Amino acid sequence: MSTAPQLQGWKHIYSGKVRDLYVPEGPDAAHDRVLVVASDRISAYDHVLSSTIPDKGRILTQLSLWWFDQLGNVPNHVISADDGVPAEVSGRAMICKKLDMYPVEAIARGYLTGSGLAEYKQSRTVCDVPLPDGLVDGSRIEPAIFTPSAKAEVGEHDENINYDAVVAAVGAETAAKIRDVTLEIYTTAEAIARDRGIILADTKVEFGLDPATGLVTLGDEVLTPDSSRFWDASLYEPGKAQPSFDKQYVRDWLTSAESGWDRASDTPPPALPADVVERTRARYVEAYERLTGKSFV
């Protein structure tokens, strides 16, 4: 994993698969905020790759900021993306409220695919939510369902859990709030994306308690190609895997004979070829431009 940059006035405290976190340092440091920097790192199959995707951190940050604006009635953690952000990470960093994060990945699904499809094939449920017979890969689920998972450490799989496990982790009142706001975010965003010719199949969000307000508050990123499945509505065809605006080129190449990588081994994945890097970058840019209506500069 590449080293997080040194930033004057900020102390690096954590690096995830994509993001680096910092807190203010110095005698007058504020203890209620954190600097969230999105890197150009990319992960696949629970590995952080040695290759990076140019501009990915900027795209993730700018798209999250745009979505936070669209979700204006949902409290979020952003304080500023301009004032106080170090010049070295301008455009890909946000100064945010320091939240007490809940140990839950809050996921809303409006379409059946991925790990949800695998569970459905076995039990006709997703996270113990019963679904009708006859659904296939890509089938729409109406209304959308809340299918949480337990947060895993870097390099580990997130584990799908049921709603009772969320109640056990955070309490009944907070669990209900997380579920209801997650589904509200999905419903709002799904309609916005659909107007732009994009299907939002599912999305993952994270919440924390804001100690200053006592509110359940949206944190981390929101509605990016790293945290959501976006499909091109014009190509949508239930019954098969849909092309998506994310790391699909990366995953496809890693599992191809060309990469020579054995996913079941302990060996880290190889570096990506230049054309896979460029095509992946282009998909992130296209998602940003189609959703926001702005050109990515």
C-alpha atoms as a PDB file:
ATOM      1  CA  MET A   1       0.000   0.000   0.000  1.00  0.00           C
ATOM      2  CA  SER A   2       1.399   3.399  -0.924  1.00  0.00           C
ATOM      3  CA  THR A   3       2.445   5.704   1.906  1.00  0.00           C
ATOM      4  CA  ALA A   4       0.022   8.420   2.980  1.00  0.00           C
ATOM      5  CA  PRO A   5       1.394  11.917   2.252  1.00  0.00           C
ATOM      6  CA  GLN A   6       2.842  14.033   5.070  1.00  0.00           C
ATOM      7  CA  LEU A   7       0.660  17.129   5.513  1.00  0.00           C
ATOM      8  CA  GLN A   8       1.710  20.126   7.589  1.00  0.00           C
ATOM      9  CA  GLY A   9      -0.601  20.695  10.539  1.00  0.00           C
ATOM     10  CA  TRP A  10      -2.162  17.250  10.229  1.00  0.00           C
ATOM     11  CA  LYS A  11      -1.188  13.926  11.804  1.00  0.00           C
ATOM     12  CA  HIS A  12      -1.832  10.735   9.825  1.00  0.00           C
ATOM     13  CA  ILE A  13      -3.787   8.252  11.972  1.00  0.00           C
ATOM     14  CA  TYR A  14      -5.184   5.602   9.617  1.00  0.00           C
ATOM     15  CA  SER A  15      -5.175   4.304   6.055  1.00  0.00           C
ATOM     16  CA  GLY A  16      -7.968   2.174   4.634  1.00  0.00           C
ATOM     17  CA  LYS A  17      -8.158   0.568   1.213  1.00  0.00           C
ATOM     18  CA  VAL A  18      -8.640   3.952  -0.467  1.00  0.00           C
ATOM     19  CA  ARG A  19      -8.740   6.715   2.175  1.00  0.00           C
ATOM     20  CA  ASP A  20      -6.149   8.250   4.475  1.00  0.00           C
ATOM     21  CA  LEU A  21      -7.331   9.919   7.696  1.00  0.00           C
ATOM     22  CA  TYR A  22      -5.626  12.743   9.579  1.00  0.00           C
ATOM     23  CA  VAL A  23      -6.329  14.748  12.720  1.00  0.00           C
ATOM     24  CA  PRO A  24      -5.133  18.300  13.410  1.00  0.00           C
ATOM     25  CA  GLU A  25      -1.870  18.527  15.335  1.00  0.00           C
ATOM     26  CA  GLY A  26      -0.336  21.363  17.307  1.00  0.00           C
ATOM     27  CA  PRO A  27      -1.044  23.176  20.583  1.00  0.00           C
ATOM     28  CA  ASP A  28      -4.306  24.700  19.339  1.00  0.00           C
ATOM     29  CA  ALA A  29      -5.518  21.615  17.416  1.00  0.00           C
ATOM     30  CA  ALA A  30      -9.269  21.073  17.236  1.00  0.00           C
ATOM     31  CA  HIS A  31     -10.259  17.591  18.388  1.00  0.00           C
ATOM     32  CA  ASP A  32     -13.689  17.520  16.754  1.00  0.00           C
ATOM     33  CA  ARG A  33     -12.582  17.110  13.149  1.00  0.00           C
ATOM     34  CA  VAL A  34     -10.722  14.835  10.773  1.00  0.00           C
ATOM     35  CA  LEU A  35      -9.213  15.274   7.309  1.00  0.00           C
ATOM     36  CA  VAL A  36     -10.421  12.574   4.895  1.00  0.00           C
ATOM     37  CA  VAL A  37      -8.146  12.191   1.846  1.00  0.00           C
ATOM     38  CA  ALA A  38      -9.211   9.951  -1.049  1.00  0.00           C
ATOM     39  CA  SER A  39      -6.187   8.384  -2.730  1.00  0.00           C
ATOM     40  CA  ASP A  40      -5.915   6.947  -6.241  1.00  0.00           C
ATOM     41  CA  ARG A  41      -5.524   3.443  -4.777  1.00  0.00           C
ATOM     42  CA  ILE A  42      -7.831   0.737  -6.028  1.00  0.00           C
ATOM     43  CA  SER A  43      -8.773  -2.525  -4.369  1.00  0.00           C
ATOM     44  CA  ALA A  44     -10.198  -5.739  -5.755  1.00  0.00           C
ATOM     45  CA  TYR A  45     -10.921  -9.110  -4.189  1.00  0.00           C
ATOM     46  CA  ASP A  46      -9.847  -7.747  -0.785  1.00  0.00           C
ATOM     47  CA  HIS A  47      -6.396  -6.726  -2.035  1.00  0.00           C
ATOM     48  CA  VAL A  48      -5.135  -3.166  -2.447  1.00  0.00           C
ATOM     49  CA  LEU A  49      -3.402  -3.228  -5.827  1.00  0.00           C
ATOM     50  CA  SER A  50       0.076  -1.879  -6.514  1.00  0.00           C
ATOM     51  CA  SER A  51      -1.348   0.073  -9.483  1.00  0.00           C
ATOM     52  CA  THR A  52      -3.292   3.310  -9.027  1.00  0.00           C
ATOM     53  CA  ILE A  53      -6.041   4.910 -11.130  1.00  0.00           C
ATOM     54  CA  PRO A  54      -5.137   8.540 -11.956  1.00  0.00           C
ATOM     55  CA  ASP A  55      -7.679  11.107 -10.649  1.00  0.00           C
ATOM     56  CA  LYS A  56      -9.747   8.453  -8.866  1.00  0.00           C
ATOM     57  CA  GLY A  57      -9.427  10.219  -5.492  1.00  0.00           C
ATOM     58  CA  ARG A  58     -10.593  13.514  -6.960  1.00  0.00           C
ATOM     59  CA  ILE A  59     -13.536  11.879  -8.715  1.00  0.00           C
ATOM     60  CA  LEU A  60     -14.669  10.059  -5.562  1.00  0.00           C
ATOM     61  CA  THR A  61     -14.420  13.233  -3.477  1.00  0.00           C
ATOM     62  CA  GLN A  62     -16.133  15.536  -5.969  1.00  0.00           C
ATOM     63  CA  LEU A  63     -18.922  13.028  -6.632  1.00  0.00           C
ATOM     64  CA  SER A  64     -19.503  12.508  -2.889  1.00  0.00           C
ATOM     65  CA  LEU A  65     -19.702  16.281  -2.364  1.00  0.00           C
ATOM     66  CA  TRP A  66     -22.246  16.548  -5.193  1.00  0.00           C
ATOM     67  CA  TRP A  67     -24.380  13.789  -3.678  1.00  0.00           C
ATOM     68  CA  PHE A  68     -24.178  15.280  -0.175  1.00  0.00           C
ATOM     69  CA  ASP A  69     -25.754  18.406  -1.727  1.00  0.00           C
ATOM     70  CA  GLN A  70     -28.512  16.352  -3.381  1.00  0.00           C
ATOM     71  CA  LEU A  71     -29.278  14.702  -0.020  1.00  0.00           C
ATOM     72  CA  GLY A  72     -29.597  18.033   1.769  1.00  0.00           C
ATOM     73  CA  ASN A  73     -32.052  16.813   4.414  1.00  0.00           C
ATOM     74  CA  VAL A  74     -29.710  14.009   5.573  1.00  0.00           C
ATOM     75  CA  PRO A  75     -27.127  15.266   8.128  1.00  0.00           C
ATOM     76  CA  ASN A  76     -23.577  14.598   6.861  1.00  0.00           C
ATOM     77  CA  HIS A  77     -20.066  14.988   8.217  1.00  0.00           C
ATOM     78  CA  VAL A  78     -18.607  17.557   5.773  1.00  0.00           C
ATOM     79  CA  ILE A  79     -17.304  20.818   7.266  1.00  0.00           C
ATOM     80  CA  SER A  80     -15.317  22.101   4.279  1.00  0.00           C
ATOM     81  CA  ALA A  81     -13.737  20.907   1.036  1.00  0.00           C
ATOM     82  CA  ASP A  82     -11.917  24.232   0.560  1.00  0.00           C
ATOM     83  CA  ASP A  83     -11.010  26.248   3.658  1.00  0.00           C
ATOM     84  CA  GLY A  84      -8.185  24.601   5.572  1.00  0.00           C
ATOM     85  CA  VAL A  85      -7.628  21.726   3.131  1.00  0.00           C
ATOM     86  CA  PRO A  86      -3.860  21.398   2.449  1.00  0.00           C
ATOM     87  CA  ALA A  87      -2.891  22.399  -1.088  1.00  0.00           C
ATOM     88  CA  GLU A  88      -1.203  19.035  -1.722  1.00  0.00           C
ATOM     89  CA  VAL A  89      -4.549  17.218  -1.466  1.00  0.00           C
ATOM     90  CA  SER A  90      -6.865  19.939  -2.759  1.00  0.00           C
ATOM     91  CA  GLY A  91      -9.798  18.495  -4.701  1.00  0.00           C
ATOM     92  CA  ARG A  92      -9.528  15.061  -3.118  1.00  0.00           C
ATOM     93  CA  ALA A  93      -9.929  15.865   0.566  1.00  0.00           C
ATOM     94  CA  MET A  94     -12.641  16.999   2.957  1.00  0.00           C
ATOM     95  CA  ILE A  95     -12.428  18.366   6.487  1.00  0.00           C
ATOM     96  CA  CYS A  96     -15.152  16.513   8.339  1.00  0.00           C
ATOM     97  CA  LYS A  97     -16.762  16.209  11.739  1.00  0.00           C
ATOM     98  CA  LYS A  98     -15.236  13.464  13.846  1.00  0.00           C
ATOM     99  CA  LEU A  99     -18.037  10.956  14.283  1.00  0.00           C
ATOM    100  CA  ASP A 100     -18.352   7.941  16.564  1.00  0.00           C
ATOM    101  CA  MET A 101     -18.807   5.473  13.705  1.00  0.00           C
ATOM    102  CA  TYR A 102     -21.250   2.582  13.989  1.00  0.00           C
ATOM    103  CA  PRO A 103     -19.807  -0.896  13.239  1.00  0.00           C
ATOM    104  CA  VAL A 104     -22.275  -1.500  10.415  1.00  0.00           C
ATOM    105  CA  GLU A 105     -22.116  -1.217   6.627  1.00  0.00           C
ATOM    106  CA  ALA A 106     -25.585   0.079   5.745  1.00  0.00           C
ATOM    107  CA  ILE A 107     -26.577  -1.338   2.352  1.00  0.00           C
ATOM    108  CA  ALA A 108     -29.716  -0.762   0.308  1.00  0.00           C
ATOM    109  CA  ARG A 109     -30.475  -3.023  -2.653  1.00  0.00           C
ATOM    110  CA  GLY A 110     -32.993  -2.242  -5.361  1.00  0.00           C
ATOM    111  CA  TYR A 111     -31.702  -4.940  -7.715  1.00  0.00           C
ATOM    112  CA  LEU A 112     -30.586  -8.502  -7.085  1.00  0.00           C
ATOM    113  CA  THR A 113     -26.941  -9.277  -7.861  1.00  0.00           C
ATOM    114  CA  GLY A 114     -23.591 -10.063  -6.214  1.00  0.00           C
ATOM    115  CA  SER A 115     -23.596 -11.671  -2.757  1.00  0.00           C
ATOM    116  CA  GLY A 116     -27.339 -11.028  -2.507  1.00  0.00           C
ATOM    117  CA  LEU A 117     -27.959 -13.179  -5.585  1.00  0.00           C
ATOM    118  CA  ALA A 118     -25.785 -15.956  -4.160  1.00  0.00           C
ATOM    119  CA  GLU A 119     -27.818 -16.041  -0.929  1.00  0.00           C
ATOM    120  CA  TYR A 120     -31.120 -15.782  -2.821  1.00  0.00           C
ATOM    121  CA  LYS A 121     -30.272 -18.865  -4.902  1.00  0.00           C
ATOM    122  CA  GLN A 122     -29.828 -20.883  -1.701  1.00  0.00           C
ATOM    123  CA  SER A 123     -32.618 -19.575   0.507  1.00  0.00           C
ATOM    124  CA  ARG A 124     -34.846 -17.111  -1.422  1.00  0.00           C
ATOM    125  CA  THR A 125     -33.687 -14.471   1.071  1.00  0.00           C
ATOM    126  CA  VAL A 126     -31.087 -11.698   1.285  1.00  0.00           C
ATOM    127  CA  CYS A 127     -29.853 -11.010   4.844  1.00  0.00           C
ATOM    128  CA  ASP A 128     -32.900 -13.025   5.971  1.00  0.00           C
ATOM    129  CA  VAL A 129     -35.290 -10.718   4.059  1.00  0.00           C
ATOM    130  CA  PRO A 130     -37.639 -13.034   2.094  1.00  0.00           C
ATOM    131  CA  LEU A 131     -37.952 -12.359  -1.639  1.00  0.00           C
ATOM    132  CA  PRO A 132     -40.367 -13.794  -4.237  1.00  0.00           C
ATOM    133  CA  ASP A 133     -39.532 -16.796  -6.400  1.00  0.00           C
ATOM    134  CA  GLY A 134     -38.384 -16.393  -9.983  1.00  0.00           C
ATOM    135  CA  LEU A 135     -35.856 -13.571  -9.585  1.00  0.00           C
ATOM    136  CA  VAL A 136     -32.664 -13.624 -11.691  1.00  0.00           C
ATOM    137  CA  ASP A 137     -29.369 -11.740 -11.803  1.00  0.00           C
ATOM    138  CA  GLY A 138     -30.349  -8.078 -12.225  1.00  0.00           C
ATOM    139  CA  SER A 139     -34.016  -8.422 -11.199  1.00  0.00           C
ATOM    140  CA  ARG A 140     -35.501  -5.289  -9.641  1.00  0.00           C
ATOM    141  CA  ILE A 141     -36.521  -5.534  -5.989  1.00  0.00           C
ATOM    142  CA  GLU A 142     -39.513  -3.343  -5.108  1.00  0.00           C
ATOM    143  CA  PRO A 143     -39.475  -1.817  -2.625  1.00  0.00           C
ATOM    144  CA  ALA A 144     -35.727  -1.711  -2.043  1.00  0.00           C
ATOM    145  CA  ILE A 145     -34.461  -3.702   0.940  1.00  0.00           C
ATOM    146  CA  PHE A 146     -31.978  -3.003   3.742  1.00  0.00           C
ATOM    147  CA  THR A 147     -29.228  -5.645   3.735  1.00  0.00           C
ATOM    148  CA  PRO A 148     -26.508  -4.686   6.231  1.00  0.00           C
ATOM    149  CA  SER A 149     -23.065  -6.162   6.697  1.00  0.00           C
ATOM    150  CA  ALA A 150     -20.531  -6.137   9.524  1.00  0.00           C
ATOM    151  CA  LYS A 151     -17.445  -3.999   8.899  1.00  0.00           C
ATOM    152  CA  ALA A 152     -14.280  -5.986   8.270  1.00  0.00           C
ATOM    153  CA  GLU A 153     -10.640  -5.050   8.656  1.00  0.00           C
ATOM    154  CA  VAL A 154      -8.597  -4.252   5.535  1.00  0.00           C
ATOM    155  CA  GLY A 155      -7.985  -7.524   3.712  1.00  0.00           C
ATOM    156  CA  GLU A 156     -11.021  -9.266   5.227  1.00  0.00           C
ATOM    157  CA  HIS A 157     -14.479  -9.844   3.744  1.00  0.00           C
ATOM    158  CA  ASP A 158     -17.413  -7.812   5.025  1.00  0.00           C
ATOM    159  CA  GLU A 159     -19.950 -10.291   6.370  1.00  0.00           C
ATOM    160  CA  ASN A 160     -23.656 -10.012   5.526  1.00  0.00           C
ATOM    161  CA  ILE A 161     -25.784  -9.833   8.678  1.00  0.00           C
ATOM    162  CA  ASN A 162     -29.505  -9.562   9.420  1.00  0.00           C
ATOM    163  CA  TYR A 163     -31.398  -6.662  10.963  1.00  0.00           C
ATOM    164  CA  ASP A 164     -31.442  -8.282  14.410  1.00  0.00           C
ATOM    165  CA  ALA A 165     -27.627  -8.197  14.406  1.00  0.00           C
ATOM    166  CA  VAL A 166     -27.739  -4.428  13.734  1.00  0.00           C
ATOM    167  CA  VAL A 167     -30.129  -3.983  16.682  1.00  0.00           C
ATOM    168  CA  ALA A 168     -27.753  -5.996  18.861  1.00  0.00           C
ATOM    169  CA  ALA A 169     -24.793  -3.831  17.747  1.00  0.00           C
ATOM    170  CA  VAL A 170     -26.282  -0.322  18.016  1.00  0.00           C
ATOM    171  CA  GLY A 171     -29.668  -0.585  19.776  1.00  0.00           C
ATOM    172  CA  ALA A 172     -33.199  -0.667  18.386  1.00  0.00           C
ATOM    173  CA  GLU A 173     -33.701   3.085  17.963  1.00  0.00           C
ATOM    174  CA  THR A 174     -30.400   3.679  16.151  1.00  0.00           C
ATOM    175  CA  ALA A 175     -30.836   0.549  14.012  1.00  0.00           C
ATOM    176  CA  ALA A 176     -34.240   1.771  12.827  1.00  0.00           C
ATOM    177  CA  LYS A 177     -32.792   5.214  12.042  1.00  0.00           C
ATOM    178  CA  ILE A 178     -29.881   3.732  10.063  1.00  0.00           C
ATOM    179  CA  ARG A 179     -32.243   1.465   8.107  1.00  0.00           C
ATOM    180  CA  ASP A 180     -34.775   4.180   7.336  1.00  0.00           C
ATOM    181  CA  VAL A 181     -32.207   6.797   6.277  1.00  0.00           C
ATOM    182  CA  THR A 182     -30.303   4.267   4.145  1.00  0.00           C
ATOM    183  CA  LEU A 183     -33.481   3.419   2.241  1.00  0.00           C
ATOM    184  CA  GLU A 184     -34.346   7.126   1.956  1.00  0.00           C
ATOM    185  CA  ILE A 185     -30.892   7.831   0.476  1.00  0.00           C
ATOM    186  CA  TYR A 186     -31.255   4.961  -1.986  1.00  0.00           C
ATOM    187  CA  THR A 187     -34.757   5.969  -3.089  1.00  0.00           C
ATOM    188  CA  THR A 188     -33.731   9.606  -3.649  1.00  0.00           C
ATOM    189  CA  ALA A 189     -30.517   8.708  -5.474  1.00  0.00           C
ATOM    190  CA  GLU A 190     -32.099   5.951  -7.568  1.00  0.00           C
ATOM    191  CA  ALA A 191     -34.580   8.454  -9.027  1.00  0.00           C
ATOM    192  CA  ILE A 192     -31.857  11.048  -9.714  1.00  0.00           C
ATOM    193  CA  ALA A 193     -29.607   8.481 -11.399  1.00  0.00           C
ATOM    194  CA  ARG A 194     -32.472   7.040 -13.464  1.00  0.00           C
ATOM    195  CA  ASP A 195     -33.194  10.522 -14.864  1.00  0.00           C
ATOM    196  CA  ARG A 196     -29.601  10.484 -16.143  1.00  0.00           C
ATOM    197  CA  GLY A 197     -29.823   7.070 -17.771  1.00  0.00           C
ATOM    198  CA  ILE A 198     -28.074   5.226 -14.951  1.00  0.00           C
ATOM    199  CA  ILE A 199     -29.491   2.468 -12.743  1.00  0.00           C
ATOM    200  CA  LEU A 200     -28.406   2.489  -9.098  1.00  0.00           C
ATOM    201  CA  ALA A 201     -28.516  -1.217  -8.276  1.00  0.00           C
ATOM    202  CA  ASP A 202     -27.326  -0.964  -4.686  1.00  0.00           C
ATOM    203  CA  THR A 203     -25.300   1.293  -2.432  1.00  0.00           C
ATOM    204  CA  LYS A 204     -23.320   1.122   0.806  1.00  0.00           C
ATOM    205  CA  VAL A 205     -23.258   4.018   3.270  1.00  0.00           C
ATOM    206  CA  GLU A 206     -21.805   4.460   6.748  1.00  0.00           C
ATOM    207  CA  PHE A 207     -23.117   6.414   9.713  1.00  0.00           C
ATOM    208  CA  GLY A 208     -21.786   7.698  12.999  1.00  0.00           C
ATOM    209  CA  LEU A 209     -23.044   9.624  15.983  1.00  0.00           C
ATOM    210  CA  ASP A 210     -22.170  13.325  15.893  1.00  0.00           C
ATOM    211  CA  PRO A 211     -21.201  14.064  19.525  1.00  0.00           C
ATOM    212  CA  ALA A 212     -21.989  17.766  19.048  1.00  0.00           C
ATOM    213  CA  THR A 213     -25.566  17.295  17.837  1.00  0.00           C
ATOM    214  CA  GLY A 214     -26.476  13.803  19.018  1.00  0.00           C
ATOM    215  CA  LEU A 215     -27.675  13.016  15.469  1.00  0.00           C
ATOM    216  CA  VAL A 216     -27.086   9.882  13.412  1.00  0.00           C
ATOM    217  CA  THR A 217     -24.900  11.400  10.676  1.00  0.00           C
ATOM    218  CA  LEU A 218     -23.844  10.219   7.214  1.00  0.00           C
ATOM    219  CA  GLY A 219     -20.066   9.804   7.010  1.00  0.00           C
ATOM    220  CA  ASP A 220     -17.329   8.462   4.736  1.00  0.00           C
ATOM    221  CA  GLU A 221     -18.219   8.660   1.018  1.00  0.00           C
ATOM    222  CA  VAL A 222     -21.640   8.464  -0.586  1.00  0.00           C
ATOM    223  CA  LEU A 223     -22.945   7.091  -3.890  1.00  0.00           C
ATOM    224  CA  THR A 224     -19.615   6.704  -5.705  1.00  0.00           C
ATOM    225  CA  PRO A 225     -18.626   3.854  -8.052  1.00  0.00           C
ATOM    226  CA  ASP A 226     -16.594   2.434  -5.146  1.00  0.00           C
ATOM    227  CA  SER A 227     -19.582   2.226  -2.803  1.00  0.00           C
ATOM    228  CA  SER A 228     -22.404   1.609  -5.293  1.00  0.00           C
ATOM    229  CA  ARG A 229     -23.274  -0.442  -8.345  1.00  0.00           C
ATOM    230  CA  PHE A 230     -24.163   1.857 -11.236  1.00  0.00           C
ATOM    231  CA  TRP A 231     -25.404   0.278 -14.468  1.00  0.00           C
ATOM    232  CA  ASP A 232     -26.066   1.848 -17.870  1.00  0.00           C
ATOM    233  CA  ALA A 233     -29.875   1.823 -18.199  1.00  0.00           C
ATOM    234  CA  SER A 234     -29.655   1.487 -21.996  1.00  0.00           C
ATOM    235  CA  LEU A 235     -27.780  -1.830 -21.637  1.00  0.00           C
ATOM    236  CA  TYR A 236     -29.849  -3.246 -18.768  1.00  0.00           C
ATOM    237  CA  GLU A 237     -30.882  -6.848 -19.387  1.00  0.00           C
ATOM    238  CA  PRO A 238     -31.973  -8.998 -16.425  1.00  0.00           C
ATOM    239  CA  GLY A 239     -30.727 -12.580 -16.382  1.00  0.00           C
ATOM    240  CA  LYS A 240     -27.020 -11.848 -16.683  1.00  0.00           C
ATOM    241  CA  ALA A 241     -24.300  -9.730 -15.105  1.00  0.00           C
ATOM    242  CA  GLN A 242     -24.667  -6.043 -16.040  1.00  0.00           C
ATOM    243  CA  PRO A 243     -21.749  -3.851 -17.186  1.00  0.00           C
ATOM    244  CA  SER A 244     -21.009  -1.441 -14.346  1.00  0.00           C
ATOM    245  CA  PHE A 245     -19.339   1.931 -13.759  1.00  0.00           C
ATOM    246  CA  ASP A 246     -16.693   0.713 -11.363  1.00  0.00           C
ATOM    247  CA  LYS A 247     -13.748  -1.677 -11.144  1.00  0.00           C
ATOM    248  CA  GLN A 248     -15.200  -4.164 -13.609  1.00  0.00           C
ATOM    249  CA  TYR A 249     -12.246  -3.906 -16.016  1.00  0.00           C
ATOM    250  CA  VAL A 250      -9.886  -4.496 -13.096  1.00  0.00           C
ATOM    251  CA  ARG A 251     -11.779  -7.540 -11.820  1.00  0.00           C
ATOM    252  CA  ASP A 252     -12.182  -8.988 -15.313  1.00  0.00           C
ATOM    253  CA  TRP A 253      -8.467  -8.669 -16.072  1.00  0.00           C
ATOM    254  CA  LEU A 254      -7.375 -10.075 -12.701  1.00  0.00           C
ATOM    255  CA  THR A 255      -9.495 -13.205 -13.223  1.00  0.00           C
ATOM    256  CA  SER A 256      -8.413 -13.619 -16.867  1.00  0.00           C
ATOM    257  CA  ALA A 257      -5.680 -15.992 -18.037  1.00  0.00           C
ATOM    258  CA  GLU A 258      -3.670 -12.952 -19.146  1.00  0.00           C
ATOM    259  CA  SER A 259      -3.044 -11.811 -15.557  1.00  0.00           C
ATOM    260  CA  GLY A 260      -1.684 -15.199 -14.513  1.00  0.00           C
ATOM    261  CA  TRP A 261      -2.982 -14.546 -10.976  1.00  0.00           C
ATOM    262  CA  ASP A 262      -4.518 -17.272  -8.843  1.00  0.00           C
ATOM    263  CA  ARG A 263      -7.189 -15.593  -6.727  1.00  0.00           C
ATOM    264  CA  ALA A 264      -7.172 -18.521  -4.271  1.00  0.00           C
ATOM    265  CA  SER A 265      -3.458 -18.123  -3.554  1.00  0.00           C
ATOM    266  CA  ASP A 266      -1.747 -15.906  -0.990  1.00  0.00           C
ATOM    267  CA  THR A 267       0.095 -14.084  -3.770  1.00  0.00           C
ATOM    268  CA  PRO A 268      -0.782 -10.391  -4.188  1.00  0.00           C
ATOM    269  CA  PRO A 269      -2.331  -9.433  -7.539  1.00  0.00           C
ATOM    270  CA  PRO A 270       0.007  -8.257 -10.320  1.00  0.00           C
ATOM    271  CA  ALA A 271       0.257  -4.660 -11.560  1.00  0.00           C
ATOM    272  CA  LEU A 272      -2.434  -3.630 -14.033  1.00  0.00           C
ATOM    273  CA  PRO A 273      -1.656  -3.057 -17.722  1.00  0.00           C
ATOM    274  CA  ALA A 274      -1.844   0.564 -18.913  1.00  0.00           C
ATOM    275  CA  ASP A 275      -4.983  -0.049 -21.004  1.00  0.00           C
ATOM    276  CA  VAL A 276      -6.893  -1.494 -18.006  1.00  0.00           C
ATOM    277  CA  VAL A 277      -5.867   1.533 -15.911  1.00  0.00           C
ATOM    278  CA  GLU A 278      -7.011   3.948 -18.631  1.00  0.00           C
ATOM    279  CA  ARG A 279     -10.323   2.188 -19.287  1.00  0.00           C
ATOM    280  CA  THR A 280     -11.060   2.066 -15.549  1.00  0.00           C
ATOM    281  CA  ARG A 281     -10.297   5.774 -15.183  1.00  0.00           C
ATOM    282  CA  ALA A 282     -12.598   6.501 -18.144  1.00  0.00           C
ATOM    283  CA  ARG A 283     -15.469   4.631 -16.459  1.00  0.00           C
ATOM    284  CA  TYR A 284     -15.069   6.657 -13.247  1.00  0.00           C
ATOM    285  CA  VAL A 285     -14.990   9.897 -15.260  1.00  0.00           C
ATOM    286  CA  GLU A 286     -18.070   8.863 -17.253  1.00  0.00           C
ATOM    287  CA  ALA A 287     -20.005   8.052 -14.070  1.00  0.00           C
ATOM    288  CA  TYR A 288     -19.109  11.457 -12.604  1.00  0.00           C
ATOM    289  CA  GLU A 289     -20.038  13.373 -15.753  1.00  0.00           C
ATOM    290  CA  ARG A 290     -23.297  11.546 -16.452  1.00  0.00           C
ATOM    291  CA  LEU A 291     -24.516  11.843 -12.864  1.00  0.00           C
ATOM    292  CA  THR A 292     -23.515  15.453 -12.167  1.00  0.00           C
ATOM    293  CA  GLY A 293     -23.895  16.889 -15.674  1.00  0.00           C
ATOM    294  CA  LYS A 294     -20.487  18.556 -15.225  1.00  0.00           C
ATOM    295  CA  SER A 295     -17.240  17.997 -17.110  1.00  0.00           C
ATOM    296  CA  PHE A 296     -14.445  16.468 -15.046  1.00  0.00           C
ATOM    297  CA  VAL A 297     -11.452  18.771 -15.328  1.00  0.00           C
END
